[in-house]
Amino acid sequence: MRPPRLSCLAVSACVSTLASAASLEDRLELLSRPPIGKLLALSPDGHRVAYTTQTATDTQIVMVNVEQPDQRRIITVESAPEGTAAAENRTPVELRFLRWASNTRLVYAPVVREVPLPPITDKQGRTLPNPDGPTVIAPIMATDADGRQRGTLVDARDFQEAPEDARRTLADFLRSPIEMSKRRKDEPVRWRMPRLEVLGFFPRDRDQLIVGTHGAYSLPMRHLVDIRTGHVQAFGEDWPAPPGEPQVYDWHRLKVVGERRDAALPATAWHDADLEKLQRMLAAKFPRRAVEILDWSETRARVLLRVTGGTDPGRVFVYQRTEDVAVEIMRRAPWLTGKPLHETRHFEFAAADGATLSGWLTWPEKAAAPPPLVLVFPPRIPGPAHPAFDPEAQVFADLGFAVARLNPRAIAGARPADEPAPGDAFDRVAVADGRAAIDWLAARPARAIDRGRVAALGRGLGARLAGHAVQLEPAVFRAGVAIGSQEAARSTVLPIADPGAGAAARASAYRRIAEFLQRHVPGPAAAATEAP
């Protein structure tokens, strides 16, 4: 048994390591900051890129000229009219649409917000929901590439409708909402705002944006909105809404050309032979990286792509096919440039029953030989694969642990019918997969882990699996951390509340986890203390 004094020294050294550099809070803030470029768009001629980024209070759109990528124009997205409560208490807003209408005109739209109207009281004094529905805020905006001619084209209020009983004559139907309100000063006119859906650009005139309305008093309708003037006119065609994820839509050819698949590595099943060939060629140019084709010019002479892998959270390039040149547009986390990051690699192997298991291994930059391991179970099944870059894995690697994040079985192609239903059998299969991953990693000469110092960790379903792993395989899993679990504490399992997004709360939780792991799965600091 290790002397208590040495154990205390190990814990102290561990926590000191975790709190070093500037501070753990600063480290977490940098690692967890949302990456830029959540939405990206390439102009029809391939000469301009637009992408989104966020500050503490604003969402911004950055426009870049591919020929001069250092010259950028930034505009701030306004999601509410000036003077409203939403404008005064501004927070970053998400965009639901970002596309170039032409080579110099960009159209974008924040997510729809609905503000409930005050309830009404009937003649009997009963409180009822307001029949006019919520106030819908759904601006559709546009800007030129030089930042001029910028503003809101239309909003839901421009399409608000009155019920039939409020429009009693043909003249009423021809009047605008403002004219109706002025005409009946002594009689309230009920209105309802529709939801707006951006359907794309009219192929024969890309200055006309097709907008659908639904949810007001009338049936769904289609309209043409001039992206230069905001003028609205009726559109008689039944224009379909472009499919969203996981379908990949070609906005120039107006058809689905692929499907994003939830795989261990970002993957797209292309239905288009040209894009499929391009995907293979780009993958060869960026070996051991995940390459995602995001957008392309009208002729496909230029292609927008994202590359992730290794220690890089991601970079965005424009590939010029004629010149065979990839121009870097931006890094998704430029604040991490020059900061110490630990390498992350994808792994994949066959389990004893023939199932393919996969995941990500983050290796500590200054690893002991061999380092201890934290094995992370998937948070839900079925569920998505773990992302390539994970802030939590970086924190544990700071501590000297290798971190293996195991994907659900189905990610690598197992049929849902091949997986047992949740319960004891399911848990046993999942824990056996974790043990198989440990055996496989321990057998790798170049990156072998210390199989005698392994901890299990998880959230959601993974929290339960972490606890069961310690119970079922105590000789393999020396300790478990169940984040978000409400189970009673056990000596070798730490149930801990999910700290959420705040850096201070997360830092406190990680310090507590670090102390727990060093007591049960001593890392390099403890090993050095015990060395004779």
Protein backbone atom coordinates (compact mmCIF):
# COMPACT_ATOMS: atom_id res chain seq x y z
CA MET A 1 0.00 0.00 0.00
CA ARG A 2 1.29 3.48 -0.88
CA PRO A 3 2.15 5.61 2.16
CA PRO A 4 -0.49 8.31 2.76
CA ARG A 5 2.10 11.08 2.60
CA LEU A 6 3.16 10.08 -0.90
CA SER A 7 -0.47 9.93 -2.02
CA CYS A 8 -1.05 13.47 -0.78
CA LEU A 9 2.06 14.63 -2.59
CA ALA A 10 0.77 13.01 -5.80
CA VAL A 11 -2.60 14.74 -5.53
CA SER A 12 -0.94 18.06 -4.80
CA ALA A 13 1.38 17.70 -7.79
CA CYS A 14 -1.55 16.75 -10.04
CA VAL A 15 -3.71 19.72 -9.08
CA SER A 16 -0.72 22.04 -9.35
CA THR A 17 -0.08 20.75 -12.88
CA LEU A 18 -3.70 21.24 -13.85
CA ALA A 19 -3.78 24.82 -12.53
CA SER A 20 -0.48 25.87 -14.10
CA ALA A 21 0.12 28.00 -17.18
CA ALA A 22 -2.11 31.10 -16.91
CA SER A 23 -4.97 29.32 -15.14
CA LEU A 24 -7.28 26.40 -15.76
CA GLU A 25 -10.13 28.85 -16.34
CA ASP A 26 -8.19 30.59 -19.10
CA ARG A 27 -7.27 27.25 -20.67
CA LEU A 28 -10.90 26.11 -20.66
CA GLU A 29 -12.11 29.40 -22.08
CA LEU A 30 -9.74 29.10 -25.02
CA LEU A 31 -10.42 25.41 -25.63
CA SER A 32 -14.21 25.73 -25.37
CA ARG A 33 -14.72 28.93 -27.36
CA PRO A 34 -17.11 28.20 -30.29
CA PRO A 35 -15.11 27.78 -33.50
CA ILE A 36 -15.66 30.27 -36.26
CA GLY A 37 -17.16 29.32 -39.60
CA LYS A 38 -20.31 27.54 -38.46
CA LEU A 39 -21.90 28.71 -41.72
CA LEU A 40 -19.86 29.30 -44.86
CA ALA A 41 -20.71 30.24 -48.44
CA LEU A 42 -18.76 30.62 -51.68
CA SER A 43 -19.82 33.18 -54.29
CA PRO A 44 -21.02 31.88 -57.71
CA ASP A 45 -17.75 32.93 -59.36
CA GLY A 46 -15.66 31.47 -56.52
CA HIS A 47 -13.87 34.73 -55.72
CA ARG A 48 -15.48 35.49 -52.33
CA VAL A 49 -16.12 33.55 -49.15
CA ALA A 50 -18.47 34.54 -46.34
CA TYR A 51 -18.40 32.89 -42.91
CA THR A 52 -19.84 33.48 -39.46
CA THR A 53 -18.08 34.22 -36.19
CA GLN A 54 -19.21 35.30 -32.72
CA THR A 55 -18.17 37.75 -30.05
CA ALA A 56 -19.60 37.83 -26.53
CA THR A 57 -22.59 39.87 -27.72
CA ASP A 58 -22.72 39.68 -31.52
CA THR A 59 -22.79 37.37 -34.47
CA GLN A 60 -20.65 38.68 -37.30
CA ILE A 61 -20.24 37.83 -40.96
CA VAL A 62 -16.74 38.01 -42.42
CA MET A 63 -16.37 38.46 -46.18
CA VAL A 64 -13.03 37.48 -47.73
CA ASN A 65 -11.66 37.97 -51.22
CA VAL A 66 -9.91 34.72 -52.19
CA GLU A 67 -7.27 36.60 -54.20
CA GLN A 68 -6.48 38.79 -51.17
CA PRO A 69 -7.45 36.68 -48.11
CA ASP A 70 -5.82 39.12 -45.67
CA GLN A 71 -8.34 41.81 -46.60
CA ARG A 72 -11.60 41.14 -44.80
CA ARG A 73 -14.83 43.04 -44.31
CA ILE A 74 -16.85 42.39 -41.15
CA ILE A 75 -20.53 43.20 -40.61
CA THR A 76 -22.56 42.66 -37.45
CA VAL A 77 -25.86 40.83 -37.72
CA GLU A 78 -28.84 42.68 -36.25
CA SER A 79 -31.60 40.29 -35.23
CA ALA A 80 -34.12 42.86 -33.97
CA PRO A 81 -35.15 46.43 -34.78
CA GLU A 82 -33.26 49.15 -32.91
CA GLY A 83 -34.84 50.17 -29.64
CA THR A 84 -36.48 46.83 -28.89
CA ALA A 85 -35.65 44.85 -25.78
CA ALA A 86 -33.86 42.24 -27.90
CA ALA A 87 -31.65 44.94 -29.42
CA GLU A 88 -30.86 46.50 -26.03
CA ASN A 89 -30.01 43.15 -24.37
CA ARG A 90 -28.06 41.86 -27.33
CA THR A 91 -26.70 38.33 -27.41
CA PRO A 92 -25.17 36.39 -30.32
CA VAL A 93 -27.80 35.08 -32.71
CA GLU A 94 -27.69 32.06 -34.95
CA LEU A 95 -28.18 32.29 -38.71
CA ARG A 96 -30.49 29.94 -40.57
CA PHE A 97 -29.48 31.06 -44.07
CA LEU A 98 -26.27 32.38 -45.65
CA ARG A 99 -25.86 32.36 -49.43
CA TRP A 100 -24.41 34.58 -52.15
CA ALA A 101 -27.18 35.62 -54.53
CA SER A 102 -24.63 37.03 -56.97
CA ASN A 103 -20.90 37.58 -57.05
CA THR A 104 -21.26 40.75 -54.96
CA ARG A 105 -24.57 40.40 -53.08
CA LEU A 106 -24.93 38.28 -49.95
CA VAL A 107 -28.27 37.25 -48.39
CA TYR A 108 -28.57 36.04 -44.79
CA ALA A 109 -31.31 35.42 -42.24
CA PRO A 110 -31.21 34.98 -38.44
CA VAL A 111 -33.20 32.19 -36.85
CA VAL A 112 -36.90 32.93 -36.37
CA ARG A 113 -37.89 34.33 -32.96
CA GLU A 114 -41.44 34.28 -31.63
CA VAL A 115 -42.60 36.67 -28.91
CA PRO A 116 -45.93 35.64 -27.29
CA LEU A 117 -48.69 38.24 -27.25
CA PRO A 118 -50.42 39.06 -23.94
CA PRO A 119 -53.44 36.85 -23.23
CA ILE A 120 -56.95 38.25 -23.62
CA THR A 121 -59.97 38.19 -21.31
CA ASP A 122 -63.38 37.16 -22.63
CA LYS A 123 -66.77 38.50 -21.53
CA GLN A 124 -66.94 35.97 -18.70
CA GLY A 125 -63.59 37.16 -17.33
CA ARG A 126 -61.70 34.07 -18.42
CA THR A 127 -58.09 34.39 -19.58
CA LEU A 128 -57.56 33.01 -23.07
CA PRO A 129 -54.58 32.76 -25.42
CA ASN A 130 -54.33 35.67 -27.83
CA PRO A 131 -55.97 34.55 -31.11
CA ASP A 132 -53.57 36.66 -33.15
CA GLY A 133 -50.69 34.38 -32.25
CA PRO A 134 -47.13 35.46 -31.43
CA THR A 135 -45.16 38.32 -32.87
CA VAL A 136 -42.81 36.68 -35.37
CA ILE A 137 -39.38 38.23 -35.91
CA ALA A 138 -37.87 36.69 -39.05
CA PRO A 139 -35.78 39.28 -40.90
CA ILE A 140 -34.20 38.43 -44.23
CA MET A 141 -31.21 40.68 -44.87
CA ALA A 142 -28.71 41.46 -47.61
CA THR A 143 -25.41 43.28 -48.03
CA ASP A 144 -23.03 44.07 -50.84
CA ALA A 145 -19.49 42.71 -50.67
CA ASP A 146 -18.20 46.21 -49.91
CA GLY A 147 -20.58 46.56 -46.95
CA ARG A 148 -22.87 49.06 -48.71
CA GLN A 149 -26.50 48.62 -49.66
CA ARG A 150 -27.02 46.72 -46.44
CA GLY A 151 -30.25 46.21 -44.51
CA THR A 152 -33.41 44.19 -43.94
CA LEU A 153 -35.23 43.22 -47.13
CA VAL A 154 -38.41 41.88 -45.51
CA ASP A 155 -39.66 40.66 -42.15
CA ALA A 156 -42.71 38.73 -41.02
CA ARG A 157 -44.57 42.00 -40.36
CA ASP A 158 -44.45 42.73 -44.11
CA PHE A 159 -46.63 39.67 -44.73
CA GLN A 160 -49.03 39.93 -41.78
CA GLU A 161 -52.60 38.95 -42.55
CA ALA A 162 -56.05 39.83 -41.26
CA PRO A 163 -58.82 37.21 -40.92
CA GLU A 164 -61.60 37.17 -43.47
CA ASP A 165 -64.12 38.71 -41.09
CA ALA A 166 -61.90 41.81 -40.78
CA ARG A 167 -61.79 42.34 -44.55
CA ARG A 168 -65.41 42.80 -45.39
CA THR A 169 -65.18 44.45 -48.80
CA LEU A 170 -63.07 44.11 -51.92
CA ALA A 171 -61.48 47.45 -51.06
CA ASP A 172 -60.38 46.01 -47.72
CA PHE A 173 -58.59 43.16 -49.46
CA LEU A 174 -56.71 45.67 -51.64
CA ARG A 175 -55.57 47.79 -48.70
CA SER A 176 -52.25 47.27 -46.93
CA PRO A 177 -52.16 46.50 -43.20
CA ILE A 178 -51.21 50.12 -42.46
CA GLU A 179 -54.11 51.45 -44.54
CA MET A 180 -56.50 49.08 -42.81
CA SER A 181 -55.38 50.25 -39.39
CA LYS A 182 -55.78 53.93 -40.32
CA ARG A 183 -59.24 53.35 -41.75
CA ARG A 184 -60.67 51.73 -38.64
CA LYS A 185 -59.41 53.83 -35.78
CA ASP A 186 -62.37 52.96 -33.58
CA GLU A 187 -62.39 49.25 -34.41
CA PRO A 188 -59.38 46.99 -33.69
CA VAL A 189 -58.25 44.91 -36.63
CA ARG A 190 -56.79 41.51 -35.83
CA TRP A 191 -53.58 40.46 -37.53
CA ARG A 192 -51.35 37.45 -37.53
CA MET A 193 -47.74 37.22 -38.69
CA PRO A 194 -46.62 34.22 -40.77
CA ARG A 195 -43.34 32.35 -40.53
CA LEU A 196 -40.90 33.02 -43.35
CA GLU A 197 -39.00 30.27 -45.13
CA VAL A 198 -36.09 31.05 -47.46
CA LEU A 199 -36.43 28.74 -50.45
CA GLY A 200 -33.60 29.96 -52.68
CA PHE A 201 -33.05 32.16 -55.71
CA PHE A 202 -35.13 32.22 -58.88
CA PRO A 203 -32.91 30.48 -61.49
CA ARG A 204 -33.76 32.89 -64.31
CA ASP A 205 -33.16 35.96 -62.12
CA ARG A 206 -30.97 35.49 -59.04
CA ASP A 207 -31.87 39.00 -57.88
CA GLN A 208 -35.23 37.51 -56.91
CA LEU A 209 -35.32 35.53 -53.67
CA ILE A 210 -38.10 32.96 -53.28
CA VAL A 211 -39.71 33.24 -49.83
CA GLY A 212 -42.47 31.04 -48.47
CA THR A 213 -45.01 32.11 -45.84
CA HIS A 214 -47.02 29.77 -43.65
CA GLY A 215 -48.75 29.71 -40.29
CA ALA A 216 -50.87 32.89 -40.52
CA TYR A 217 -54.54 33.04 -41.57
CA SER A 218 -54.06 31.84 -45.15
CA LEU A 219 -52.63 28.74 -46.79
CA PRO A 220 -48.87 28.53 -47.45
CA MET A 221 -47.84 30.92 -50.23
CA ARG A 222 -44.74 31.77 -52.28
CA HIS A 223 -43.36 35.25 -52.97
CA LEU A 224 -40.50 36.86 -54.90
CA VAL A 225 -38.42 39.37 -52.93
CA ASP A 226 -36.05 41.66 -54.84
CA ILE A 227 -32.69 41.46 -53.05
CA ARG A 228 -31.80 45.01 -54.14
CA THR A 229 -34.98 46.85 -53.20
CA GLY A 230 -36.97 44.49 -50.94
CA HIS A 231 -39.95 44.74 -53.30
CA VAL A 232 -42.37 41.81 -52.87
CA GLN A 233 -44.49 40.27 -55.61
CA ALA A 234 -46.61 37.15 -55.88
CA PHE A 235 -44.97 33.98 -57.16
CA GLY A 236 -47.39 31.53 -58.63
CA GLU A 237 -45.13 28.48 -58.80
CA ASP A 238 -45.15 25.78 -56.13
CA TRP A 239 -41.44 26.01 -55.37
CA PRO A 240 -40.14 23.19 -53.13
CA ALA A 241 -38.11 23.87 -50.01
CA PRO A 242 -34.47 22.71 -50.33
CA PRO A 243 -33.80 19.75 -48.02
CA GLY A 244 -31.64 20.36 -44.99
CA GLU A 245 -29.10 18.14 -43.30
CA PRO A 246 -28.12 15.41 -43.92
CA GLN A 247 -28.91 16.07 -47.60
CA VAL A 248 -26.37 18.08 -49.61
CA TYR A 249 -28.09 20.44 -52.03
CA ASP A 250 -26.56 21.97 -55.16
CA TRP A 251 -27.99 25.50 -55.23
CA HIS A 252 -26.79 26.04 -58.81
CA ARG A 253 -28.28 22.84 -60.28
CA LEU A 254 -31.24 22.72 -57.87
CA LYS A 255 -30.86 19.09 -56.90
CA VAL A 256 -29.60 16.84 -54.11
CA VAL A 257 -26.05 15.68 -54.85
CA GLY A 258 -25.06 13.86 -51.67
CA GLU A 259 -25.81 12.90 -48.10
CA ARG A 260 -23.78 13.57 -44.96
CA ARG A 261 -23.27 10.40 -42.99
CA ASP A 262 -22.63 10.05 -39.30
CA ALA A 263 -19.38 8.13 -39.41
CA ALA A 264 -16.24 7.86 -37.33
CA LEU A 265 -14.68 10.37 -39.72
CA PRO A 266 -16.76 13.09 -41.45
CA ALA A 267 -18.08 11.40 -44.58
CA THR A 268 -20.37 12.23 -47.48
CA ALA A 269 -22.02 9.74 -49.82
CA TRP A 270 -21.94 11.64 -53.10
CA HIS A 271 -24.57 10.96 -55.76
CA ASP A 272 -22.61 13.16 -58.17
CA ALA A 273 -19.68 11.51 -59.97
CA ASP A 274 -17.68 14.75 -60.29
CA LEU A 275 -17.94 15.54 -56.56
CA GLU A 276 -17.13 11.95 -55.63
CA LYS A 277 -13.97 12.08 -57.74
CA LEU A 278 -13.07 15.45 -56.25
CA GLN A 279 -13.52 14.08 -52.71
CA ARG A 280 -11.03 11.26 -53.37
CA MET A 281 -8.49 13.64 -54.87
CA LEU A 282 -8.72 16.11 -51.96
CA ALA A 283 -8.42 13.30 -49.41
CA ALA A 284 -5.13 12.32 -51.07
CA LYS A 285 -3.88 15.91 -50.82
CA PHE A 286 -4.58 16.01 -47.07
CA PRO A 287 -3.50 12.57 -45.79
CA ARG A 288 -4.57 11.56 -42.28
CA ARG A 289 -7.03 14.44 -42.22
CA ALA A 290 -10.81 14.59 -42.60
CA VAL A 291 -11.83 16.61 -45.68
CA GLU A 292 -15.37 17.98 -46.02
CA ILE A 293 -16.53 19.63 -49.26
CA LEU A 294 -18.84 22.46 -48.15
CA ASP A 295 -19.69 24.56 -51.22
CA TRP A 296 -18.60 25.22 -54.78
CA SER A 297 -18.76 27.87 -57.49
CA GLU A 298 -21.30 27.68 -60.29
CA THR A 299 -18.85 25.95 -62.66
CA ARG A 300 -17.19 23.98 -59.80
CA ALA A 301 -13.86 25.50 -60.79
CA ARG A 302 -13.45 26.51 -57.14
CA VAL A 303 -14.45 24.46 -54.12
CA LEU A 304 -14.82 25.43 -50.45
CA LEU A 305 -13.60 22.74 -48.03
CA ARG A 306 -12.88 22.17 -44.34
CA VAL A 307 -9.92 20.08 -43.14
CA THR A 308 -9.64 18.74 -39.58
CA GLY A 309 -7.41 16.32 -37.73
CA GLY A 310 -4.23 15.97 -35.71
CA THR A 311 -3.88 18.86 -33.28
CA ASP A 312 -5.85 21.24 -35.53
CA PRO A 313 -9.54 22.00 -34.76
CA GLY A 314 -9.96 22.79 -38.46
CA ARG A 315 -8.99 25.02 -41.36
CA VAL A 316 -11.00 26.24 -44.35
CA PHE A 317 -9.57 26.33 -47.87
CA VAL A 318 -10.69 27.31 -51.35
CA TYR A 319 -9.35 24.77 -53.83
CA GLN A 320 -8.75 26.16 -57.32
CA ARG A 321 -9.04 23.18 -59.63
CA THR A 322 -7.49 24.75 -62.73
CA GLU A 323 -4.38 25.91 -60.86
CA ASP A 324 -4.38 22.87 -58.51
CA VAL A 325 -3.88 25.23 -55.56
CA ALA A 326 -5.55 25.30 -52.13
CA VAL A 327 -5.77 28.79 -50.59
CA GLU A 328 -6.20 28.88 -46.82
CA ILE A 329 -9.04 31.23 -45.88
CA MET A 330 -9.14 30.90 -42.11
CA ARG A 331 -8.52 28.73 -39.08
CA ARG A 332 -11.56 27.71 -37.08
CA ALA A 333 -9.80 28.41 -33.76
CA PRO A 334 -7.06 30.98 -34.49
CA TRP A 335 -6.79 31.77 -30.75
CA LEU A 336 -5.21 28.33 -30.30
CA THR A 337 -2.42 29.04 -32.79
CA GLY A 338 0.87 28.59 -31.00
CA LYS A 339 -0.84 27.17 -27.89
CA PRO A 340 0.25 23.68 -26.75
CA LEU A 341 -2.25 21.15 -28.06
CA HIS A 342 -2.06 17.39 -27.80
CA GLU A 343 -2.22 15.27 -30.94
CA THR A 344 -5.48 13.45 -31.64
CA ARG A 345 -5.67 10.46 -34.00
CA HIS A 346 -8.51 8.28 -35.19
CA PHE A 347 -8.31 4.57 -34.41
CA GLU A 348 -10.29 1.61 -35.71
CA PHE A 349 -10.03 -2.14 -35.15
CA ALA A 350 -12.08 -5.35 -35.22
CA ALA A 351 -13.51 -6.73 -31.96
CA ALA A 352 -13.53 -10.45 -31.17
CA ASP A 353 -17.09 -10.82 -32.52
CA GLY A 354 -16.14 -9.17 -35.81
CA ALA A 355 -17.70 -5.75 -35.08
CA THR A 356 -15.63 -2.72 -36.09
CA LEU A 357 -14.89 -0.40 -33.18
CA SER A 358 -13.58 3.13 -33.61
CA GLY A 359 -12.77 6.28 -31.71
CA TRP A 360 -10.24 9.05 -31.11
CA LEU A 361 -7.01 8.85 -29.12
CA THR A 362 -5.56 12.05 -27.66
CA TRP A 363 -1.93 11.61 -26.70
CA PRO A 364 -0.26 13.81 -24.07
CA GLU A 365 2.55 15.88 -25.55
CA LYS A 366 4.92 15.03 -22.70
CA ALA A 367 3.76 11.49 -22.05
CA ALA A 368 5.27 9.16 -19.52
CA ALA A 369 6.11 5.79 -21.04
CA PRO A 370 3.48 4.43 -21.01
CA PRO A 371 0.87 6.93 -19.74
CA PRO A 372 -2.34 6.11 -17.85
CA LEU A 373 -5.59 6.10 -19.83
CA VAL A 374 -9.02 7.69 -19.49
CA LEU A 375 -11.51 5.73 -21.62
CA VAL A 376 -14.62 7.75 -22.50
CA PHE A 377 -17.84 5.86 -23.29
CA PRO A 378 -20.35 7.33 -25.82
CA PRO A 379 -23.04 9.53 -24.23
CA ARG A 380 -25.95 7.87 -26.02
CA ILE A 381 -26.70 4.93 -28.29
CA PRO A 382 -27.69 5.27 -31.03
CA GLY A 383 -25.84 8.54 -31.28
CA PRO A 384 -23.23 10.46 -33.25
CA ALA A 385 -19.52 9.85 -33.34
CA HIS A 386 -17.24 11.80 -31.04
CA PRO A 387 -15.83 14.95 -32.75
CA ALA A 388 -12.16 14.96 -33.70
CA PHE A 389 -11.35 17.90 -31.44
CA ASP A 390 -12.53 17.73 -27.83
CA PRO A 391 -11.63 20.34 -25.16
CA GLU A 392 -12.09 17.85 -22.32
CA ALA A 393 -9.64 15.41 -23.88
CA GLN A 394 -7.10 18.23 -24.08
CA VAL A 395 -7.55 18.98 -20.36
CA PHE A 396 -6.94 15.37 -19.33
CA ALA A 397 -3.94 15.23 -21.66
CA ASP A 398 -2.62 18.34 -19.87
CA LEU A 399 -2.71 16.16 -16.76
CA GLY A 400 -0.62 13.45 -18.45
CA PHE A 401 -3.41 11.01 -19.37
CA ALA A 402 -3.97 9.48 -22.77
CA VAL A 403 -7.68 9.82 -23.65
CA ALA A 404 -9.56 7.29 -25.79
CA ARG A 405 -13.10 8.30 -26.81
CA LEU A 406 -15.01 5.24 -27.99
CA ASN A 407 -17.73 5.63 -30.61
CA PRO A 408 -21.03 3.69 -30.62
CA ARG A 409 -20.82 0.38 -32.48
CA ALA A 410 -23.29 1.48 -35.16
CA ILE A 411 -20.98 4.32 -36.27
CA ALA A 412 -18.65 1.83 -37.97
CA GLY A 413 -21.47 0.04 -39.76
CA ALA A 414 -23.05 -2.36 -37.25
CA ARG A 415 -26.77 -2.75 -37.75
CA PRO A 416 -29.00 -1.52 -34.91
CA ALA A 417 -30.51 -5.04 -34.81
CA ASP A 418 -27.05 -6.43 -33.96
CA GLU A 419 -26.88 -4.38 -30.75
CA PRO A 420 -28.68 -5.63 -27.64
CA ALA A 421 -31.43 -3.49 -26.16
CA PRO A 422 -30.44 -1.24 -23.23
CA GLY A 423 -30.04 -3.32 -20.09
CA ASP A 424 -27.56 -5.71 -18.53
CA ALA A 425 -26.69 -7.41 -21.84
CA PHE A 426 -26.15 -4.05 -23.51
CA ASP A 427 -23.92 -2.83 -20.67
CA ARG A 428 -21.85 -6.01 -20.80
CA VAL A 429 -21.28 -5.62 -24.56
CA ALA A 430 -20.33 -1.93 -24.14
CA VAL A 431 -17.93 -2.68 -21.29
CA ALA A 432 -16.43 -5.55 -23.30
CA ASP A 433 -15.90 -3.10 -26.19
CA GLY A 434 -14.11 -0.77 -23.78
CA ARG A 435 -11.85 -3.58 -22.60
CA ALA A 436 -11.14 -4.58 -26.20
CA ALA A 437 -10.11 -0.98 -26.96
CA ILE A 438 -7.76 -1.00 -23.97
CA ASP A 439 -6.17 -4.29 -25.10
CA TRP A 440 -5.75 -3.00 -28.65
CA LEU A 441 -4.21 0.31 -27.54
CA ALA A 442 -1.88 -1.38 -25.05
CA ALA A 443 -0.52 -3.59 -27.84
CA ARG A 444 0.54 -0.64 -30.03
CA PRO A 445 4.34 -0.30 -29.58
CA ALA A 446 4.48 3.35 -30.68
CA ARG A 447 1.57 4.55 -28.53
CA ALA A 448 1.18 1.90 -25.82
CA ILE A 449 -0.83 2.85 -22.73
CA ASP A 450 -0.40 1.50 -19.22
CA ARG A 451 -3.27 -0.98 -18.97
CA GLY A 452 -2.75 -1.17 -15.20
CA ARG A 453 -3.78 2.48 -14.80
CA VAL A 454 -7.13 2.94 -16.58
CA ALA A 455 -10.20 4.99 -15.61
CA ALA A 456 -13.65 5.05 -17.25
CA LEU A 457 -15.57 8.28 -17.84
CA GLY A 458 -18.91 9.18 -19.39
CA ARG A 459 -21.96 11.42 -19.59
CA GLY A 460 -25.57 10.38 -20.06
CA LEU A 461 -25.59 6.70 -20.96
CA GLY A 462 -21.79 6.83 -20.76
CA ALA A 463 -22.01 7.76 -17.05
CA ARG A 464 -23.91 4.55 -16.35
CA LEU A 465 -21.45 2.54 -18.44
CA ALA A 466 -18.49 4.06 -16.57
CA GLY A 467 -19.98 2.89 -13.26
CA HIS A 468 -20.78 -0.57 -14.58
CA ALA A 469 -17.30 -0.91 -16.11
CA VAL A 470 -15.75 -0.53 -12.63
CA GLN A 471 -18.28 -2.99 -11.22
CA LEU A 472 -17.91 -5.62 -13.97
CA GLU A 473 -14.16 -5.29 -14.65
CA PRO A 474 -12.52 -3.90 -11.48
CA ALA A 475 -9.12 -5.30 -12.45
CA VAL A 476 -9.26 -3.37 -15.76
CA PHE A 477 -11.03 -0.14 -14.75
CA ARG A 478 -9.51 1.09 -11.50
CA ALA A 479 -11.93 4.06 -11.22
CA GLY A 480 -14.92 5.64 -12.92
CA VAL A 481 -16.20 9.21 -13.33
CA ALA A 482 -19.95 9.53 -13.98
CA ILE A 483 -20.66 13.12 -15.11
CA GLY A 484 -24.28 14.13 -14.59
CA SER A 485 -25.06 10.94 -12.67
CA GLN A 486 -27.30 10.92 -9.59
CA GLU A 487 -26.07 7.55 -8.31
CA ALA A 488 -24.78 7.25 -4.77
CA ALA A 489 -21.04 7.70 -4.48
CA ARG A 490 -18.84 4.62 -4.31
CA SER A 491 -15.22 4.53 -3.29
CA THR A 492 -14.02 3.94 -6.86
CA VAL A 493 -16.77 5.80 -8.79
CA LEU A 494 -17.19 9.58 -8.67
CA PRO A 495 -20.68 10.86 -9.56
CA ILE A 496 -20.38 14.57 -10.33
CA ALA A 497 -22.85 17.14 -11.63
CA ASP A 498 -22.33 18.34 -15.19
CA PRO A 499 -20.67 21.75 -14.73
CA GLY A 500 -22.24 23.24 -17.85
CA ALA A 501 -20.55 25.91 -19.96
CA GLY A 502 -19.12 28.31 -17.35
CA ALA A 503 -15.30 28.24 -17.22
CA ALA A 504 -15.15 28.68 -13.43
CA ALA A 505 -17.64 25.86 -12.72
CA ARG A 506 -15.91 23.58 -15.20
CA ALA A 507 -12.50 24.31 -13.71
CA SER A 508 -13.79 23.43 -10.24
CA ALA A 509 -15.23 20.14 -11.56
CA TYR A 510 -12.02 19.18 -13.37
CA ARG A 511 -9.94 19.87 -10.26
CA ARG A 512 -12.22 17.57 -8.30
CA ILE A 513 -11.97 14.88 -11.00
CA ALA A 514 -8.18 15.27 -11.07
CA GLU A 515 -7.90 14.71 -7.34
CA PHE A 516 -10.13 11.63 -7.58
CA LEU A 517 -8.20 10.11 -10.49
CA GLN A 518 -4.86 10.64 -8.81
CA ARG A 519 -6.07 8.75 -5.74
CA HIS A 520 -7.22 5.72 -7.75
CA VAL A 521 -5.34 5.88 -11.09
CA PRO A 522 -2.10 7.66 -10.25
CA GLY A 523 -0.65 9.52 -13.16
CA PRO A 524 2.94 10.51 -13.97
CA ALA A 525 3.20 12.90 -11.01
CA ALA A 526 2.35 10.11 -8.54
CA ALA A 527 4.57 7.61 -10.32
CA ALA A 528 7.52 10.00 -10.08
CA THR A 529 6.84 10.55 -6.38
CA GLU A 530 6.91 6.81 -5.73
CA ALA A 531 10.05 6.10 -7.75
CA PRO A 532 12.90 4.77 -5.58
